[in-house]
C-alpha atoms as a PDB file:
ATOM      1  CA  MET A   1     100.005 133.347 116.209  1.00  0.00           C
ATOM      2  CA  SER A   2      99.031 129.772 117.068  1.00  0.00           C
ATOM      3  CA  LYS A   3     100.240 128.131 120.276  1.00  0.00           C
ATOM      4  CA  LYS A   4     101.955 125.414 118.222  1.00  0.00           C
ATOM      5  CA  HIS A   5     104.059 128.161 116.463  1.00  0.00           C
ATOM      6  CA  ASP A   6     104.585 129.719 119.988  1.00  0.00           C
ATOM      7  CA  LEU A   7     105.862 126.474 121.332  1.00  0.00           C
ATOM      8  CA  ARG A   8     108.149 125.953 118.164  1.00  0.00           C
ATOM      9  CA  THR A   9     109.645 129.386 118.429  1.00  0.00           C
ATOM     10  CA  GLN A  10     110.185 129.055 122.056  1.00  0.00           C
ATOM     11  CA  ARG A  11     112.156 125.699 121.763  1.00  0.00           C
ATOM     12  CA  ALA A  12     114.119 126.900 118.806  1.00  0.00           C
ATOM     13  CA  GLY A  13     117.761 127.399 119.998  1.00  0.00           C
ATOM     14  CA  THR A  14     117.091 126.054 123.448  1.00  0.00           C
ATOM     15  CA  VAL A  15     119.505 123.904 125.473  1.00  0.00           C
ATOM     16  CA  ILE A  16     117.123 120.932 124.603  1.00  0.00           C
ATOM     17  CA  ASN A  17     117.163 121.529 120.808  1.00  0.00           C
ATOM     18  CA  ARG A  18     121.072 122.187 120.889  1.00  0.00           C
ATOM     19  CA  THR A  19     121.699 119.002 122.794  1.00  0.00           C
ATOM     20  CA  SER A  20     119.588 116.893 120.598  1.00  0.00           C
ATOM     21  CA  LYS A  21     121.238 118.107 117.437  1.00  0.00           C
ATOM     22  CA  ARG A  22     124.751 117.553 118.755  1.00  0.00           C
ATOM     23  CA  GLN A  23     123.827 114.108 119.996  1.00  0.00           C
ATOM     24  CA  GLU A  24     122.349 113.137 116.612  1.00  0.00           C
ATOM     25  CA  LYS A  25     125.422 114.080 114.959  1.00  0.00           C
ATOM     26  CA  ALA A  26     127.508 111.878 117.199  1.00  0.00           C
ATOM     27  CA  LEU A  27     125.108 109.080 116.448  1.00  0.00           C
ATOM     28  CA  ASP A  28     125.539 109.674 112.706  1.00  0.00           C
ATOM     29  CA  ARG A  29     129.341 109.538 113.052  1.00  0.00           C
ATOM     30  CA  ALA A  30     128.917 106.404 114.953  1.00  0.00           C
ATOM     31  CA  LEU A  31     126.877 104.884 112.147  1.00  0.00           C
ATOM     32  CA  ILE A  32     129.632 105.762 109.656  1.00  0.00           C
ATOM     33  CA  GLY A  33     132.247 103.983 112.000  1.00  0.00           C
ATOM     34  CA  VAL A  34     129.712 100.927 111.999  1.00  0.00           C
ATOM     35  CA  GLN A  35     129.666 100.901 108.164  1.00  0.00           C
ATOM     36  CA  LYS A  36     133.462 100.862 107.903  1.00  0.00           C
ATOM     37  CA  GLN A  37     133.777  98.001 110.448  1.00  0.00           C
ATOM     38  CA  LEU A  38     131.218  95.989 108.634  1.00  0.00           C
ATOM     39  CA  LYS A  39     132.984  96.427 105.346  1.00  0.00           C
ATOM     40  CA  LYS A  40     136.224  95.420 106.769  1.00  0.00           C
ATOM     41  CA  ARG A  41     134.942  92.169 108.176  1.00  0.00           C
ATOM     42  CA  PHE A  42     132.449  91.419 105.395  1.00  0.00           C
ATOM     43  CA  PRO A  43     133.900  93.085 102.276  1.00  0.00           C
ATOM     44  CA  TRP A  44     131.375  91.288  99.907  1.00  0.00           C
ATOM     45  CA  ILE A  45     128.237  92.683 101.365  1.00  0.00           C
ATOM     46  CA  ARG A  46     126.323  95.733  99.811  1.00  0.00           C
ATOM     47  CA  LEU A  47     125.420  98.131 102.495  1.00  0.00           C
ATOM     48  CA  GLU A  48     122.514 100.805 102.342  1.00  0.00           C
ATOM     49  CA  HIS A  49     121.836 103.543 104.935  1.00  0.00           C
ATOM     50  CA  GLN A  50     118.201 105.038 104.695  1.00  0.00           C
ATOM     51  CA  LEU A  51     116.962 107.978 106.642  1.00  0.00           C
ATOM     52  CA  SER A  52     113.386 106.857 106.487  1.00  0.00           C
ATOM     53  CA  TRP A  53     111.381 103.628 106.187  1.00  0.00           C
ATOM     54  CA  PRO A  54     108.237 104.527 104.012  1.00  0.00           C
ATOM     55  CA  LEU A  55     104.951 102.761 105.356  1.00  0.00           C
ATOM     56  CA  ALA A  56     104.134 102.045 101.812  1.00  0.00           C
ATOM     57  CA  GLU A  57     107.093  99.771 101.691  1.00  0.00           C
ATOM     58  CA  VAL A  58     106.238  98.236 105.229  1.00  0.00           C
ATOM     59  CA  VAL A  59     102.816  97.554 104.067  1.00  0.00           C
ATOM     60  CA  SER A  60     103.909  95.970 100.708  1.00  0.00           C
ATOM     61  CA  SER A  61     106.414  93.593 102.398  1.00  0.00           C
ATOM     62  CA  LEU A  62     104.081  92.647 105.143  1.00  0.00           C
ATOM     63  CA  SER A  63     101.452  91.756 102.411  1.00  0.00           C
ATOM     64  CA  ASP A  64     103.938  89.389 100.645  1.00  0.00           C
ATOM     65  CA  ASP A  65     105.161  87.897 103.969  1.00  0.00           C
ATOM     66  CA  PHE A  66     101.599  87.240 105.439  1.00  0.00           C
ATOM     67  CA  PRO A  67      99.299  86.857 102.321  1.00  0.00           C
ATOM     68  CA  GLY A  68      96.302  85.830 104.636  1.00  0.00           C
ATOM     69  CA  GLU A  69      96.208  89.196 106.455  1.00  0.00           C
ATOM     70  CA  THR A  70      95.271  92.752 105.397  1.00  0.00           C
ATOM     71  CA  PHE A  71      97.686  95.696 105.952  1.00  0.00           C
ATOM     72  CA  VAL A  72      96.899  99.373 105.126  1.00  0.00           C
ATOM     73  CA  HIS A  73      98.302 102.865 105.280  1.00  0.00           C
ATOM     74  CA  TYR A  74      96.597 106.173 104.344  1.00  0.00           C
ATOM     75  CA  HIS A  75      99.266 108.555 103.022  1.00  0.00           C
ATOM     76  CA  SER A  76     101.880 107.886 100.530  1.00  0.00           C
ATOM     77  CA  LYS A  77     104.553 110.246 102.295  1.00  0.00           C
ATOM     78  CA  SER A  78     104.192 108.745 105.717  1.00  0.00           C
ATOM     79  CA  ALA A  79     107.373 107.033 106.830  1.00  0.00           C
ATOM     80  CA  MET A  80     109.302 106.126 110.058  1.00  0.00           C
ATOM     81  CA  ARG A  81     112.210 108.158 110.552  1.00  0.00           C
ATOM     82  CA  PRO A  82     114.612 106.927 113.367  1.00  0.00           C
ATOM     83  CA  ASP A  83     117.276 109.384 114.465  1.00  0.00           C
ATOM     84  CA  GLY A  84     120.237 107.213 113.111  1.00  0.00           C
ATOM     85  CA  GLY A  85     118.365 105.837 110.178  1.00  0.00           C
ATOM     86  CA  ILE A  86     118.201 102.339 108.921  1.00  0.00           C
ATOM     87  CA  LEU A  87     121.249 100.312 107.990  1.00  0.00           C
ATOM     88  CA  SER A  88     120.678  97.364 105.735  1.00  0.00           C
ATOM     89  CA  MET A  89     122.427  94.946 103.275  1.00  0.00           C
ATOM     90  CA  ARG A  90     121.076  93.891  99.941  1.00  0.00           C
ATOM     91  CA  SER A  91     120.965  90.259  98.780  1.00  0.00           C
ATOM     92  CA  ASN A  92     121.786  89.273  95.292  1.00  0.00           C
ATOM     93  CA  ASP A  93     118.187  89.289  94.263  1.00  0.00           C
ATOM     94  CA  GLY A  94     117.713  92.781  95.495  1.00  0.00           C
ATOM     95  CA  ARG A  95     116.038  92.152  98.833  1.00  0.00           C
ATOM     96  CA  ARG A  96     116.877  94.466 101.618  1.00  0.00           C
ATOM     97  CA  PHE A  97     117.751  93.040 105.186  1.00  0.00           C
ATOM     98  CA  THR A  98     117.836  95.254 108.159  1.00  0.00           C
ATOM     99  CA  LEU A  99     120.957  95.204 110.195  1.00  0.00           C
ATOM    100  CA  LEU A 100     120.379  98.157 112.534  1.00  0.00           C
ATOM    101  CA  ILE A 101     117.797 100.706 113.398  1.00  0.00           C
ATOM    102  CA  ALA A 102     119.233 103.392 115.745  1.00  0.00           C
ATOM    103  CA  GLU A 103     117.531 106.080 117.887  1.00  0.00           C
ATOM    104  CA  LYS A 104     118.892 108.766 120.249  1.00  0.00           C
ATOM    105  CA  LYS A 105     116.706 110.542 122.876  1.00  0.00           C
ATOM    106  CA  ASN A 106     117.606 113.173 125.325  1.00  0.00           C
ATOM    107  CA  GLN A 107     114.964 114.103 127.763  1.00  0.00           C
ATOM    108  CA  GLY A 108     114.837 116.288 130.990  1.00  0.00           C
ATOM    109  CA  THR A 109     115.774 119.679 131.859  1.00  0.00           C
ATOM    110  CA  ASN A 110     114.938 119.740 135.560  1.00  0.00           C
ATOM    111  CA  ASP A 111     118.604 119.548 136.522  1.00  0.00           C
ATOM    112  CA  LEU A 112     119.333 122.789 134.736  1.00  0.00           C
ATOM    113  CA  ARG A 113     116.324 124.432 136.027  1.00  0.00           C
ATOM    114  CA  THR A 114     117.218 123.495 139.706  1.00  0.00           C
ATOM    115  CA  ARG A 115     120.633 124.956 139.344  1.00  0.00           C
ATOM    116  CA  GLU A 116     118.908 128.138 137.873  1.00  0.00           C
ATOM    117  CA  GLY A 117     116.633 128.349 140.903  1.00  0.00           C
ATOM    118  CA  LYS A 118     113.588 127.556 138.773  1.00  0.00           C
ATOM    119  CA  PRO A 119     110.720 125.265 139.616  1.00  0.00           C
ATOM    120  CA  ARG A 120     110.633 121.640 138.210  1.00  0.00           C
ATOM    121  CA  GLN A 121     108.601 121.086 135.154  1.00  0.00           C
ATOM    122  CA  ALA A 122     106.490 118.047 134.229  1.00  0.00           C
ATOM    123  CA  GLN A 123     108.715 115.363 132.507  1.00  0.00           C
ATOM    124  CA  GLY A 124     108.404 115.178 128.743  1.00  0.00           C
ATOM    125  CA  ASN A 125     106.807 112.841 126.373  1.00  0.00           C
ATOM    126  CA  ALA A 126     109.759 111.902 124.004  1.00  0.00           C
ATOM    127  CA  ILE A 127     109.359 108.184 125.275  1.00  0.00           C
ATOM    128  CA  GLU A 128     105.720 108.099 124.093  1.00  0.00           C
ATOM    129  CA  ARG A 129     106.773 109.217 120.732  1.00  0.00           C
ATOM    130  CA  LEU A 130     109.514 106.668 120.564  1.00  0.00           C
ATOM    131  CA  GLY A 131     106.939 103.854 121.311  1.00  0.00           C
ATOM    132  CA  LYS A 132     105.158 104.686 118.070  1.00  0.00           C
ATOM    133  CA  ASN A 133     108.148 103.835 116.132  1.00  0.00           C
ATOM    134  CA  VAL A 134     108.992 100.808 117.954  1.00  0.00           C
ATOM    135  CA  ILE A 135     105.652  99.266 117.186  1.00  0.00           C
ATOM    136  CA  GLY A 136     106.132 100.002 113.567  1.00  0.00           C
ATOM    137  CA  PHE A 137     109.520  98.552 113.258  1.00  0.00           C
ATOM    138  CA  ARG A 138     108.657  95.422 115.119  1.00  0.00           C
ATOM    139  CA  THR A 139     105.821  94.863 112.807  1.00  0.00           C
ATOM    140  CA  ALA A 140     107.954  95.444 109.837  1.00  0.00           C
ATOM    141  CA  LEU A 141     110.477  92.818 110.915  1.00  0.00           C
ATOM    142  CA  MET A 142     108.090  90.162 112.181  1.00  0.00           C
ATOM    143  CA  LYS A 143     109.249  87.500 109.807  1.00  0.00           C
ATOM    144  CA  GLU A 144     112.666  87.407 111.136  1.00  0.00           C
ATOM    145  CA  SER A 145     113.979  86.096 114.471  1.00  0.00           C
ATOM    146  CA  ILE A 146     115.896  89.165 115.355  1.00  0.00           C
ATOM    147  CA  PHE A 147     114.936  92.786 116.111  1.00  0.00           C
ATOM    148  CA  PRO A 148     118.088  94.900 115.576  1.00  0.00           C
ATOM    149  CA  PHE A 149     116.773  97.917 117.107  1.00  0.00           C
ATOM    150  CA  VAL A 150     118.656 100.155 119.563  1.00  0.00           C
ATOM    151  CA  CYS A 151     117.926 103.462 121.338  1.00  0.00           C
ATOM    152  CA  PHE A 152     120.246 105.342 123.418  1.00  0.00           C
ATOM    153  CA  GLY A 153     118.587 107.657 125.972  1.00  0.00           C
ATOM    154  CA  ASP A 154     120.199 110.131 128.477  1.00  0.00           C
ATOM    155  CA  GLY A 155     119.218 113.008 130.554  1.00  0.00           C
ATOM    156  CA  CYS A 156     117.937 113.662 134.087  1.00  0.00           C
ATOM    157  CA  ASP A 157     114.568 112.069 133.266  1.00  0.00           C
ATOM    158  CA  PHE A 158     116.439 108.613 133.017  1.00  0.00           C
ATOM    159  CA  ALA A 159     118.231 108.958 136.388  1.00  0.00           C
ATOM    160  CA  ASP A 160     118.098 105.548 138.440  1.00  0.00           C
ATOM    161  CA  ASP A 161     115.350 107.135 140.658  1.00  0.00           C
ATOM    162  CA  SER A 162     113.087 108.254 137.785  1.00  0.00           C
ATOM    163  CA  SER A 163     109.679 106.580 137.104  1.00  0.00           C
ATOM    164  CA  ILE A 164     110.197 107.401 133.395  1.00  0.00           C
ATOM    165  CA  LEU A 165     112.429 104.304 133.269  1.00  0.00           C
ATOM    166  CA  ASP A 166     109.238 102.280 133.578  1.00  0.00           C
ATOM    167  CA  ARG A 167     107.834 103.647 130.448  1.00  0.00           C
ATOM    168  CA  VAL A 168     111.041 102.703 128.529  1.00  0.00           C
ATOM    169  CA  VAL A 169     110.788  99.199 130.214  1.00  0.00           C
ATOM    170  CA  THR A 170     107.165  98.880 129.052  1.00  0.00           C
ATOM    171  CA  ILE A 171     108.299  99.740 125.468  1.00  0.00           C
ATOM    172  CA  ALA A 172     111.056  97.085 125.818  1.00  0.00           C
ATOM    173  CA  MET A 173     108.416  94.405 126.559  1.00  0.00           C
ATOM    174  CA  PHE A 174     109.640  94.609 130.160  1.00  0.00           C
ATOM    175  CA  GLY A 175     113.076  93.416 129.227  1.00  0.00           C
ATOM    176  CA  GLU A 176     116.197  94.554 131.188  1.00  0.00           C
ATOM    177  CA  LEU A 177     117.470  97.949 130.181  1.00  0.00           C
ATOM    178  CA  ASN A 178     121.264  98.347 129.243  1.00  0.00           C
ATOM    179  CA  GLN A 179     121.407  94.992 127.803  1.00  0.00           C
ATOM    180  CA  GLN A 180     121.541  93.648 124.252  1.00  0.00           C
ATOM    181  CA  HIS A 181     118.392  91.985 123.109  1.00  0.00           C
ATOM    182  CA  LEU A 182     118.918  91.070 119.411  1.00  0.00           C
ATOM    183  CA  HIS A 183     117.501  87.612 119.005  1.00  0.00           C
ATOM    184  CA  ASN A 184     113.899  86.980 119.820  1.00  0.00           C
ATOM    185  CA  SER A 185     113.161  85.020 123.015  1.00  0.00           C
ATOM    186  CA  GLY A 186     110.351  83.335 124.738  1.00  0.00           C
ATOM    187  CA  PRO A 187     107.844  80.639 123.225  1.00  0.00           C
ATOM    188  CA  ASN A 188     108.045  80.874 119.417  1.00  0.00           C
ATOM    189  CA  GLY A 189     110.202  83.993 119.826  1.00  0.00           C
ATOM    190  CA  CYS A 190     107.300  86.038 120.977  1.00  0.00           C
ATOM    191  CA  PHE A 191     109.565  88.635 122.688  1.00  0.00           C
ATOM    192  CA  ASN A 192     111.350  90.773 120.246  1.00  0.00           C
ATOM    193  CA  ARG A 193     112.462  93.429 122.679  1.00  0.00           C
ATOM    194  CA  GLY A 194     115.166  95.379 121.137  1.00  0.00           C
ATOM    195  CA  SER A 195     118.098  97.095 122.936  1.00  0.00           C
ATOM    196  CA  PHE A 196     117.497 100.109 125.086  1.00  0.00           C
ATOM    197  CA  TYR A 197     120.453 101.822 126.698  1.00  0.00           C
ATOM    198  CA  PHE A 198     119.228 104.539 129.127  1.00  0.00           C
ATOM    199  CA  ARG A 199     120.947 106.569 131.787  1.00  0.00           C
ATOM    200  CA  GLU A 200     121.361 110.005 133.078  1.00  0.00           C
ATOM    201  CA  ALA A 201     124.903 110.618 131.816  1.00  0.00           C
ATOM    202  CA  GLU A 202     125.342 111.354 128.081  1.00  0.00           C
ATOM    203  CA  TRP A 203     126.240 108.352 125.712  1.00  0.00           C
ATOM    204  CA  THR A 204     129.517 109.099 123.875  1.00  0.00           C
ATOM    205  CA  GLU A 205     130.111 108.491 120.289  1.00  0.00           C
ATOM    206  CA  LYS A 206     132.534 105.774 121.082  1.00  0.00           C
ATOM    207  CA  GLU A 207     130.011 103.915 123.259  1.00  0.00           C
ATOM    208  CA  MET A 208     127.219 104.070 120.718  1.00  0.00           C
ATOM    209  CA  LEU A 209     129.678 102.831 118.036  1.00  0.00           C
ATOM    210  CA  GLU A 210     130.702  99.925 120.027  1.00  0.00           C
ATOM    211  CA  HIS A 211     127.001  98.838 120.785  1.00  0.00           C
ATOM    212  CA  CYS A 212     125.855  99.543 117.271  1.00  0.00           C
ATOM    213  CA  ALA A 213     128.686  97.801 115.636  1.00  0.00           C
ATOM    214  CA  ASP A 214     128.259  94.672 117.713  1.00  0.00           C
ATOM    215  CA  LEU A 215     124.514  94.517 116.960  1.00  0.00           C
ATOM    216  CA  ALA A 216     124.864  95.054 113.144  1.00  0.00           C
ATOM    217  CA  GLN A 217     127.756  92.408 112.966  1.00  0.00           C
ATOM    218  CA  ARG A 218     125.529  89.889 114.813  1.00  0.00           C
ATOM    219  CA  SER A 219     122.696  90.753 112.585  1.00  0.00           C
ATOM    220  CA  VAL A 220     124.841  89.997 109.387  1.00  0.00           C
ATOM    221  CA  LEU A 221     125.712  86.742 110.797  1.00  0.00           C
ATOM    222  CA  TYR A 222     122.275  85.871 111.571  1.00  0.00           C
ATOM    223  CA  TYR A 223     121.099  86.496 107.779  1.00  0.00           C
ATOM    224  CA  LEU A 224     124.154  84.573 106.509  1.00  0.00           C
ATOM    225  CA  SER A 225     123.324  81.710 108.704  1.00  0.00           C
ATOM    226  CA  LYS A 226     119.508  81.785 107.796  1.00  0.00           C
ATOM    227  CA  TYR A 227     119.721  82.559 104.089  1.00  0.00           C
ATOM    228  CA  GLY A 228     123.400  81.219 103.127  1.00  0.00           C
ATOM    229  CA  LEU A 229     126.450  82.969 102.093  1.00  0.00           C
ATOM    230  CA  SER A 230     125.669  82.751  98.380  1.00  0.00           C
ATOM    231  CA  ALA A 231     122.549  84.734  98.935  1.00  0.00           C
ATOM    232  CA  PHE A 232     124.723  87.767  99.530  1.00  0.00           C
ATOM    233  CA  GLY A 233     127.558  87.431  97.104  1.00  0.00           C
ATOM    234  CA  ALA A 234     129.959  85.583  99.423  1.00  0.00           C
ATOM    235  CA  ASP A 235     132.048  82.669  97.819  1.00  0.00           C
END
């Protein structure tokens, strides 16, 4: 039996696995609430919620937006799959505009191990995996002046005294955590940071709904301002 299989077997049904699944469901419910709020405020928009964003679609769009550059991908099934999916709206001509990309990360078991009298373990690498997706999403949305990405992180690895927070800050382009960063900033909008909410205490469904709804509504207003109300079916 391979070490990879051993590791997968050991993690199945553990506290980490159960916690992650429960929190992903809370994020899913929050995203349903976001869609309800958007339809109430903007009843004419056509919403779509995707679970993944194929790299083939990203490369095709980038090639159209930046015709002087070369973009590649190698496998037809490769895709970015954020925990909460990608919420978008369609324009009248069928184009898709991203309103919200949501991730949820829980990291750290040393608090449980300490209570059980077990030695501390090395801190995990969930944040490094997150960084890969953020690079992909940033690139996919380079033509816009917003980056509607949000990640909620909790667990003992994200306590105030944890050095892991600096890994998160690095992914956030050294922007302040627990603050909304929707609109690009800096010279020519060079900082498309995204919004990273990280702390030790678990994020509740209500909190995630509030942050996600505000980001998504502001994203709609950005596209309506840039492309015009008529582009999305509004009178």
